[in-house]
Amino acid sequence: MAHPLSLSYNWVTPVSVSSIGLIVCLGLLANSQATGWVTVAIVLAGMWVVFMVVVWLRTRAYMMVDGPLLTVRRFKGFATLDGRTVTAVTEFLTPSGPSYKVSTRDRDGQLRRQIVPAALLRTGHSTLFDWLLTWAPRAELDKGCRRTLDQLRTRGLIQ
């Protein structure tokens, strides 16, 4: 039975530290009763909310391989890709590292592109490229993908 990959980073520590920091700052502001403390407290709470949204969006990353099928999710909604229909893979850089856009061609000939958030998942790169080599050996890889594939082979993470 296939299992989804785990996240490649610890989200609990930044959430805990930022939440404790917010509570301490709000407590100090409320205790000081300085002029404009409410405005500062609202700004701090707003920044904390933005940070929490970013962390939540990163935790939405999902990837699972089950034979020729690759199920992914970046922010919302799952998409299942069939490796036998993959035509091309392009790499793009994110703050967490490279991720990929996988192009597939449906039975009706329509080209679809799906983002695979490999940078956010433990063993995401090696799992993706192992799946590609197994189920889409003729897929066109861009320069960044070929470089990543060479690095994975050099490190012994894929054959």
N, C-alpha and C. Protein backbone atom coordinates (compact mmCIF):
# COMPACT_ATOMS: atom_id res chain seq x y z
N MET A 1 0.85 -1.18 0.00
CA MET A 1 0.00 0.00 0.00
C MET A 1 0.89 1.25 0.00
N ALA A 2 0.54 2.21 -0.81
CA ALA A 2 1.32 3.44 -0.93
C ALA A 2 1.05 4.36 0.26
N HIS A 3 2.10 5.11 0.63
CA HIS A 3 1.99 6.07 1.72
C HIS A 3 2.47 7.43 1.23
N PRO A 4 1.85 8.51 1.68
CA PRO A 4 2.32 9.84 1.28
C PRO A 4 3.67 10.16 1.93
N LEU A 5 4.44 11.00 1.26
CA LEU A 5 5.72 11.43 1.80
C LEU A 5 5.50 12.39 2.96
N SER A 6 6.43 12.40 3.89
CA SER A 6 6.32 13.31 5.03
C SER A 6 6.95 14.66 4.68
N LEU A 7 6.56 15.68 5.42
CA LEU A 7 7.10 17.02 5.19
C LEU A 7 8.58 17.05 5.52
N SER A 8 9.31 17.91 4.81
CA SER A 8 10.77 17.94 4.97
C SER A 8 11.22 18.95 6.03
N TYR A 9 10.32 19.54 6.73
CA TYR A 9 10.70 20.53 7.73
C TYR A 9 9.81 20.40 8.96
N ASN A 10 10.29 20.96 10.05
CA ASN A 10 9.57 20.94 11.31
C ASN A 10 8.77 22.23 11.42
N TRP A 11 7.46 22.13 11.30
CA TRP A 11 6.63 23.33 11.38
C TRP A 11 6.19 23.63 12.81
N VAL A 12 6.30 22.67 13.71
CA VAL A 12 5.81 22.85 15.08
C VAL A 12 6.64 23.88 15.83
N THR A 13 7.96 23.84 15.69
CA THR A 13 8.83 24.76 16.43
C THR A 13 8.58 26.22 16.06
N PRO A 14 8.57 26.60 14.76
CA PRO A 14 8.30 28.00 14.46
C PRO A 14 6.91 28.47 14.90
N VAL A 15 5.92 27.59 14.79
CA VAL A 15 4.57 27.96 15.24
C VAL A 15 4.56 28.17 16.75
N SER A 16 5.19 27.28 17.49
CA SER A 16 5.22 27.41 18.95
C SER A 16 5.98 28.65 19.39
N VAL A 17 7.16 28.86 18.84
CA VAL A 17 7.98 30.02 19.23
C VAL A 17 7.27 31.32 18.89
N SER A 18 6.70 31.40 17.68
CA SER A 18 6.03 32.65 17.29
C SER A 18 4.78 32.90 18.13
N SER A 19 4.07 31.84 18.47
CA SER A 19 2.86 32.01 19.30
C SER A 19 3.22 32.46 20.72
N ILE A 20 4.24 31.84 21.28
CA ILE A 20 4.69 32.25 22.63
C ILE A 20 5.20 33.68 22.58
N GLY A 21 5.98 34.01 21.55
CA GLY A 21 6.48 35.37 21.40
C GLY A 21 5.35 36.38 21.29
N LEU A 22 4.31 36.05 20.53
CA LEU A 22 3.16 36.96 20.40
C LEU A 22 2.47 37.17 21.74
N ILE A 23 2.27 36.09 22.49
CA ILE A 23 1.60 36.21 23.79
C ILE A 23 2.42 37.07 24.75
N VAL A 24 3.74 36.86 24.76
CA VAL A 24 4.60 37.66 25.63
C VAL A 24 4.55 39.13 25.22
N CYS A 25 4.68 39.40 23.93
CA CYS A 25 4.65 40.80 23.46
C CYS A 25 3.32 41.47 23.76
N LEU A 26 2.22 40.76 23.52
CA LEU A 26 0.91 41.33 23.80
C LEU A 26 0.73 41.58 25.30
N GLY A 27 1.23 40.67 26.12
CA GLY A 27 1.16 40.87 27.57
C GLY A 27 1.95 42.08 28.02
N LEU A 28 3.18 42.24 27.46
CA LEU A 28 3.99 43.40 27.82
C LEU A 28 3.34 44.70 27.35
N LEU A 29 2.79 44.68 26.16
CA LEU A 29 2.13 45.89 25.65
C LEU A 29 0.91 46.25 26.50
N ALA A 30 0.10 45.26 26.82
CA ALA A 30 -1.10 45.52 27.61
C ALA A 30 -0.73 46.00 29.01
N ASN A 31 0.34 45.47 29.55
CA ASN A 31 0.77 45.86 30.90
C ASN A 31 1.33 47.28 30.91
N SER A 32 2.00 47.68 29.80
CA SER A 32 2.62 49.01 29.78
C SER A 32 1.60 50.12 29.58
N GLN A 33 0.53 49.85 28.89
CA GLN A 33 -0.50 50.85 28.60
C GLN A 33 0.08 52.10 27.94
N ALA A 34 1.15 51.93 27.16
CA ALA A 34 1.77 53.06 26.46
C ALA A 34 0.82 53.56 25.37
N THR A 35 1.02 54.82 24.99
CA THR A 35 0.19 55.41 23.94
C THR A 35 0.35 54.62 22.64
N GLY A 36 -0.75 54.21 22.05
CA GLY A 36 -0.74 53.48 20.79
C GLY A 36 -0.47 52.00 20.92
N TRP A 37 -0.56 51.46 22.13
CA TRP A 37 -0.25 50.04 22.32
C TRP A 37 -1.25 49.13 21.62
N VAL A 38 -2.49 49.56 21.50
CA VAL A 38 -3.51 48.74 20.84
C VAL A 38 -3.18 48.59 19.36
N THR A 39 -2.74 49.69 18.73
CA THR A 39 -2.37 49.63 17.32
C THR A 39 -1.19 48.69 17.11
N VAL A 40 -0.21 48.79 17.97
CA VAL A 40 0.96 47.90 17.87
C VAL A 40 0.53 46.44 18.08
N ALA A 41 -0.37 46.21 19.02
CA ALA A 41 -0.84 44.85 19.28
C ALA A 41 -1.59 44.30 18.06
N ILE A 42 -2.37 45.12 17.41
CA ILE A 42 -3.10 44.68 16.21
C ILE A 42 -2.14 44.37 15.07
N VAL A 43 -1.12 45.20 14.90
CA VAL A 43 -0.12 44.95 13.86
C VAL A 43 0.63 43.65 14.14
N LEU A 44 1.04 43.42 15.39
CA LEU A 44 1.73 42.18 15.75
C LEU A 44 0.84 40.96 15.50
N ALA A 45 -0.41 41.05 15.88
CA ALA A 45 -1.34 39.94 15.67
C ALA A 45 -1.55 39.70 14.17
N GLY A 46 -1.62 40.76 13.39
CA GLY A 46 -1.76 40.61 11.94
C GLY A 46 -0.56 39.93 11.32
N MET A 47 0.63 40.31 11.75
CA MET A 47 1.85 39.67 11.24
C MET A 47 1.89 38.19 11.62
N TRP A 48 1.44 37.88 12.83
CA TRP A 48 1.40 36.49 13.27
C TRP A 48 0.41 35.68 12.41
N VAL A 49 -0.73 36.27 12.10
CA VAL A 49 -1.72 35.59 11.25
C VAL A 49 -1.15 35.32 9.86
N VAL A 50 -0.47 36.29 9.28
CA VAL A 50 0.16 36.10 7.96
C VAL A 50 1.17 34.96 8.03
N PHE A 51 1.98 34.94 9.07
CA PHE A 51 2.96 33.87 9.24
C PHE A 51 2.27 32.51 9.36
N MET A 52 1.19 32.44 10.11
CA MET A 52 0.46 31.18 10.28
C MET A 52 -0.13 30.71 8.95
N VAL A 53 -0.61 31.62 8.13
CA VAL A 53 -1.15 31.25 6.82
C VAL A 53 -0.04 30.67 5.94
N VAL A 54 1.13 31.30 5.95
CA VAL A 54 2.25 30.79 5.16
C VAL A 54 2.64 29.39 5.63
N VAL A 55 2.73 29.18 6.92
CA VAL A 55 3.08 27.85 7.46
C VAL A 55 2.00 26.84 7.08
N TRP A 56 0.76 27.21 7.20
CA TRP A 56 -0.34 26.30 6.86
C TRP A 56 -0.30 25.92 5.38
N LEU A 57 -0.05 26.89 4.52
CA LEU A 57 0.03 26.59 3.08
C LEU A 57 1.18 25.63 2.78
N ARG A 58 2.30 25.79 3.48
CA ARG A 58 3.43 24.88 3.26
C ARG A 58 3.12 23.47 3.74
N THR A 59 2.31 23.34 4.79
CA THR A 59 1.97 22.01 5.29
C THR A 59 0.97 21.29 4.40
N ARG A 60 0.42 21.97 3.41
CA ARG A 60 -0.53 21.36 2.49
C ARG A 60 0.16 20.51 1.42
N ALA A 61 1.49 20.59 1.32
CA ALA A 61 2.22 19.84 0.31
C ALA A 61 2.00 18.34 0.51
N TYR A 62 1.76 17.64 -0.59
CA TYR A 62 1.43 16.21 -0.52
C TYR A 62 1.91 15.54 -1.80
N MET A 63 2.48 14.36 -1.63
CA MET A 63 2.88 13.57 -2.79
C MET A 63 2.87 12.10 -2.40
N MET A 64 2.27 11.27 -3.27
CA MET A 64 2.21 9.84 -3.03
C MET A 64 2.31 9.12 -4.37
N VAL A 65 3.17 8.11 -4.42
CA VAL A 65 3.34 7.31 -5.62
C VAL A 65 2.67 5.95 -5.40
N ASP A 66 1.86 5.56 -6.36
CA ASP A 66 1.22 4.25 -6.33
C ASP A 66 1.29 3.67 -7.73
N GLY A 67 2.39 2.97 -8.02
CA GLY A 67 2.61 2.43 -9.37
C GLY A 67 2.79 3.57 -10.36
N PRO A 68 2.03 3.56 -11.45
CA PRO A 68 2.17 4.62 -12.45
C PRO A 68 1.48 5.93 -12.05
N LEU A 69 0.78 5.93 -10.93
CA LEU A 69 0.02 7.12 -10.52
C LEU A 69 0.78 7.92 -9.47
N LEU A 70 0.83 9.21 -9.69
CA LEU A 70 1.44 10.15 -8.74
C LEU A 70 0.34 11.10 -8.29
N THR A 71 0.04 11.09 -7.01
CA THR A 71 -0.98 11.99 -6.46
C THR A 71 -0.27 13.13 -5.76
N VAL A 72 -0.63 14.36 -6.11
CA VAL A 72 0.01 15.55 -5.54
C VAL A 72 -1.05 16.57 -5.11
N ARG A 73 -0.62 17.44 -4.20
CA ARG A 73 -1.41 18.59 -3.80
C ARG A 73 -0.41 19.66 -3.40
N ARG A 74 -0.63 20.86 -3.87
CA ARG A 74 0.21 21.97 -3.44
C ARG A 74 -0.53 22.78 -2.39
N PHE A 75 -1.62 23.43 -2.76
CA PHE A 75 -2.39 24.22 -1.81
C PHE A 75 -3.77 23.63 -1.57
N LYS A 76 -4.47 23.36 -2.65
CA LYS A 76 -5.82 22.81 -2.50
C LYS A 76 -6.07 21.79 -3.59
N GLY A 77 -6.88 20.85 -3.32
CA GLY A 77 -7.27 19.86 -4.30
C GLY A 77 -6.16 18.90 -4.69
N PHE A 78 -6.51 17.64 -4.77
CA PHE A 78 -5.57 16.61 -5.18
C PHE A 78 -5.63 16.44 -6.69
N ALA A 79 -4.50 16.10 -7.26
CA ALA A 79 -4.43 15.78 -8.69
C ALA A 79 -3.66 14.48 -8.83
N THR A 80 -4.13 13.61 -9.68
CA THR A 80 -3.45 12.34 -9.93
C THR A 80 -2.91 12.34 -11.35
N LEU A 81 -1.61 12.11 -11.46
CA LEU A 81 -0.94 12.08 -12.74
C LEU A 81 -0.59 10.64 -13.10
N ASP A 82 -0.79 10.30 -14.35
CA ASP A 82 -0.40 8.98 -14.83
C ASP A 82 0.95 9.12 -15.52
N GLY A 83 1.94 8.38 -15.06
CA GLY A 83 3.29 8.49 -15.59
C GLY A 83 3.38 8.18 -17.07
N ARG A 84 2.46 7.40 -17.58
CA ARG A 84 2.49 7.02 -18.99
C ARG A 84 2.04 8.16 -19.89
N THR A 85 1.48 9.23 -19.31
CA THR A 85 1.03 10.37 -20.12
C THR A 85 1.91 11.60 -19.96
N VAL A 86 2.99 11.48 -19.19
CA VAL A 86 3.88 12.63 -18.95
C VAL A 86 4.68 12.93 -20.21
N THR A 87 4.67 14.19 -20.62
CA THR A 87 5.41 14.60 -21.82
C THR A 87 6.64 15.44 -21.49
N ALA A 88 6.57 16.25 -20.44
CA ALA A 88 7.69 17.13 -20.11
C ALA A 88 7.67 17.48 -18.63
N VAL A 89 8.87 17.81 -18.12
CA VAL A 89 9.02 18.24 -16.72
C VAL A 89 9.94 19.45 -16.73
N THR A 90 9.52 20.52 -16.06
CA THR A 90 10.35 21.71 -15.94
C THR A 90 10.55 22.03 -14.47
N GLU A 91 11.73 22.52 -14.15
CA GLU A 91 12.08 22.86 -12.77
C GLU A 91 11.90 24.36 -12.57
N PHE A 92 11.39 24.74 -11.40
CA PHE A 92 11.35 26.15 -11.02
C PHE A 92 11.78 26.26 -9.58
N LEU A 93 12.40 27.38 -9.26
CA LEU A 93 12.95 27.57 -7.92
C LEU A 93 11.93 28.19 -6.98
N THR A 94 11.91 27.69 -5.75
CA THR A 94 11.08 28.23 -4.69
C THR A 94 12.02 28.58 -3.53
N PRO A 95 11.56 29.29 -2.53
CA PRO A 95 12.42 29.57 -1.38
C PRO A 95 12.90 28.30 -0.67
N SER A 96 12.18 27.20 -0.81
CA SER A 96 12.55 25.94 -0.17
C SER A 96 13.45 25.07 -1.04
N GLY A 97 13.61 25.44 -2.29
CA GLY A 97 14.39 24.64 -3.23
C GLY A 97 13.61 24.41 -4.50
N PRO A 98 14.15 23.60 -5.40
CA PRO A 98 13.47 23.39 -6.68
C PRO A 98 12.22 22.52 -6.55
N SER A 99 11.18 22.92 -7.26
CA SER A 99 9.98 22.11 -7.43
C SER A 99 9.77 21.98 -8.93
N TYR A 100 8.70 21.28 -9.33
CA TYR A 100 8.58 20.90 -10.73
C TYR A 100 7.17 21.09 -11.26
N LYS A 101 7.10 21.40 -12.55
CA LYS A 101 5.85 21.44 -13.28
C LYS A 101 5.86 20.26 -14.23
N VAL A 102 4.91 19.36 -14.06
CA VAL A 102 4.83 18.16 -14.88
C VAL A 102 3.71 18.35 -15.89
N SER A 103 4.03 18.19 -17.16
CA SER A 103 3.06 18.31 -18.25
C SER A 103 2.62 16.93 -18.68
N THR A 104 1.30 16.76 -18.79
CA THR A 104 0.74 15.50 -19.26
C THR A 104 -0.21 15.78 -20.42
N ARG A 105 -0.41 14.77 -21.26
CA ARG A 105 -1.34 14.89 -22.37
C ARG A 105 -2.47 13.89 -22.14
N ASP A 106 -3.70 14.42 -22.06
CA ASP A 106 -4.88 13.58 -21.84
C ASP A 106 -5.21 12.77 -23.09
N ARG A 107 -6.15 11.86 -22.93
CA ARG A 107 -6.59 11.04 -24.07
C ARG A 107 -7.17 11.89 -25.19
N ASP A 108 -7.79 13.01 -24.81
CA ASP A 108 -8.36 13.89 -25.83
C ASP A 108 -7.32 14.84 -26.43
N GLY A 109 -6.05 14.69 -26.02
CA GLY A 109 -4.98 15.49 -26.59
C GLY A 109 -4.71 16.80 -25.87
N GLN A 110 -5.45 17.08 -24.83
CA GLN A 110 -5.28 18.34 -24.10
C GLN A 110 -4.07 18.27 -23.18
N LEU A 111 -3.26 19.32 -23.21
CA LEU A 111 -2.06 19.40 -22.38
C LEU A 111 -2.42 19.99 -21.02
N ARG A 112 -2.00 19.32 -19.96
CA ARG A 112 -2.26 19.79 -18.59
C ARG A 112 -0.93 19.89 -17.86
N ARG A 113 -0.83 20.90 -17.00
CA ARG A 113 0.38 21.08 -16.18
C ARG A 113 -0.02 21.03 -14.72
N GLN A 114 0.79 20.32 -13.94
CA GLN A 114 0.55 20.19 -12.51
C GLN A 114 1.84 20.45 -11.77
N ILE A 115 1.75 21.20 -10.69
CA ILE A 115 2.94 21.49 -9.87
C ILE A 115 3.15 20.36 -8.86
N VAL A 116 4.40 19.90 -8.78
CA VAL A 116 4.79 18.87 -7.81
C VAL A 116 5.72 19.54 -6.80
N PRO A 117 5.27 19.72 -5.53
CA PRO A 117 6.07 20.44 -4.53
C PRO A 117 7.15 19.57 -3.88
N ALA A 118 8.06 19.07 -4.68
CA ALA A 118 9.08 18.13 -4.18
C ALA A 118 9.98 18.74 -3.11
N ALA A 119 10.21 20.05 -3.17
CA ALA A 119 11.11 20.69 -2.21
C ALA A 119 10.57 20.68 -0.79
N LEU A 120 9.26 20.56 -0.64
CA LEU A 120 8.66 20.61 0.69
C LEU A 120 8.50 19.23 1.33
N LEU A 121 8.91 18.17 0.61
CA LEU A 121 8.68 16.82 1.10
C LEU A 121 9.99 16.05 1.24
N ARG A 122 10.08 15.28 2.30
CA ARG A 122 11.25 14.44 2.52
C ARG A 122 11.32 13.40 1.41
N THR A 123 12.45 13.25 0.82
CA THR A 123 12.73 12.38 -0.35
C THR A 123 11.85 12.73 -1.55
N GLY A 124 11.38 13.95 -1.62
CA GLY A 124 10.52 14.36 -2.72
C GLY A 124 11.20 14.30 -4.08
N HIS A 125 12.44 14.78 -4.15
CA HIS A 125 13.14 14.80 -5.42
C HIS A 125 13.45 13.39 -5.91
N SER A 126 14.01 12.57 -5.04
CA SER A 126 14.37 11.21 -5.45
C SER A 126 13.12 10.39 -5.80
N THR A 127 12.04 10.57 -5.07
CA THR A 127 10.81 9.85 -5.36
C THR A 127 10.25 10.27 -6.71
N LEU A 128 10.22 11.58 -6.97
CA LEU A 128 9.70 12.07 -8.25
C LEU A 128 10.53 11.55 -9.41
N PHE A 129 11.85 11.66 -9.32
CA PHE A 129 12.68 11.24 -10.45
C PHE A 129 12.71 9.73 -10.62
N ASP A 130 12.61 8.98 -9.55
CA ASP A 130 12.51 7.53 -9.67
C ASP A 130 11.21 7.17 -10.39
N TRP A 131 10.12 7.83 -10.04
CA TRP A 131 8.83 7.62 -10.69
C TRP A 131 8.91 8.00 -12.17
N LEU A 132 9.55 9.13 -12.46
CA LEU A 132 9.68 9.56 -13.85
C LEU A 132 10.50 8.56 -14.67
N LEU A 133 11.61 8.10 -14.13
CA LEU A 133 12.46 7.16 -14.87
C LEU A 133 11.75 5.83 -15.09
N THR A 134 10.88 5.45 -14.16
CA THR A 134 10.17 4.18 -14.29
C THR A 134 8.99 4.29 -15.25
N TRP A 135 8.17 5.34 -15.11
CA TRP A 135 6.91 5.41 -15.83
C TRP A 135 6.90 6.42 -16.98
N ALA A 136 7.87 7.31 -17.02
CA ALA A 136 7.92 8.31 -18.11
C ALA A 136 9.35 8.48 -18.60
N PRO A 137 9.99 7.41 -19.06
CA PRO A 137 11.40 7.52 -19.44
C PRO A 137 11.64 8.42 -20.65
N ARG A 138 10.62 8.66 -21.44
CA ARG A 138 10.77 9.49 -22.63
C ARG A 138 10.35 10.94 -22.40
N ALA A 139 9.99 11.27 -21.18
CA ALA A 139 9.57 12.65 -20.88
C ALA A 139 10.74 13.60 -21.10
N GLU A 140 10.43 14.75 -21.63
CA GLU A 140 11.45 15.77 -21.88
C GLU A 140 11.76 16.50 -20.57
N LEU A 141 13.04 16.48 -20.17
CA LEU A 141 13.47 17.15 -18.95
C LEU A 141 14.24 18.41 -19.32
N ASP A 142 13.96 19.50 -18.64
CA ASP A 142 14.71 20.73 -18.91
C ASP A 142 16.09 20.64 -18.25
N LYS A 143 16.89 21.69 -18.44
CA LYS A 143 18.27 21.70 -17.96
C LYS A 143 18.35 21.50 -16.44
N GLY A 144 17.49 22.19 -15.69
CA GLY A 144 17.49 22.06 -14.23
C GLY A 144 17.14 20.65 -13.78
N CYS A 145 16.18 20.01 -14.45
CA CYS A 145 15.80 18.64 -14.11
C CYS A 145 16.95 17.68 -14.39
N ARG A 146 17.62 17.86 -15.53
CA ARG A 146 18.75 16.98 -15.85
C ARG A 146 19.88 17.14 -14.83
N ARG A 147 20.11 18.38 -14.38
CA ARG A 147 21.14 18.63 -13.37
C ARG A 147 20.76 17.96 -12.04
N THR A 148 19.51 18.10 -11.63
CA THR A 148 19.05 17.47 -10.39
C THR A 148 19.14 15.95 -10.50
N LEU A 149 18.78 15.41 -11.64
CA LEU A 149 18.86 13.96 -11.86
C LEU A 149 20.30 13.48 -11.76
N ASP A 150 21.23 14.22 -12.33
CA ASP A 150 22.65 13.87 -12.22
C ASP A 150 23.12 13.91 -10.76
N GLN A 151 22.69 14.92 -10.00
CA GLN A 151 23.07 15.01 -8.59
C GLN A 151 22.50 13.84 -7.78
N LEU A 152 21.26 13.46 -8.05
CA LEU A 152 20.65 12.33 -7.34
C LEU A 152 21.38 11.04 -7.66
N ARG A 153 21.78 10.87 -8.91
CA ARG A 153 22.55 9.66 -9.29
C ARG A 153 23.92 9.67 -8.63
N THR A 154 24.58 10.83 -8.60
CA THR A 154 25.90 10.93 -7.99
C THR A 154 25.84 10.60 -6.50
N ARG A 155 24.80 11.03 -5.84
CA ARG A 155 24.64 10.77 -4.40
C ARG A 155 24.13 9.35 -4.11
N GLY A 156 23.77 8.62 -5.16
CA GLY A 156 23.30 7.26 -4.99
C GLY A 156 21.87 7.16 -4.52
N LEU A 157 21.08 8.22 -4.71
CA LEU A 157 19.69 8.21 -4.24
C LEU A 157 18.75 7.55 -5.24
N ILE A 158 19.17 7.48 -6.51
CA ILE A 158 18.41 6.75 -7.53
C ILE A 158 19.40 6.03 -8.44
N GLN A 159 18.90 5.06 -9.16
CA GLN A 159 19.75 4.28 -10.07
C GLN A 159 20.07 5.04 -11.34
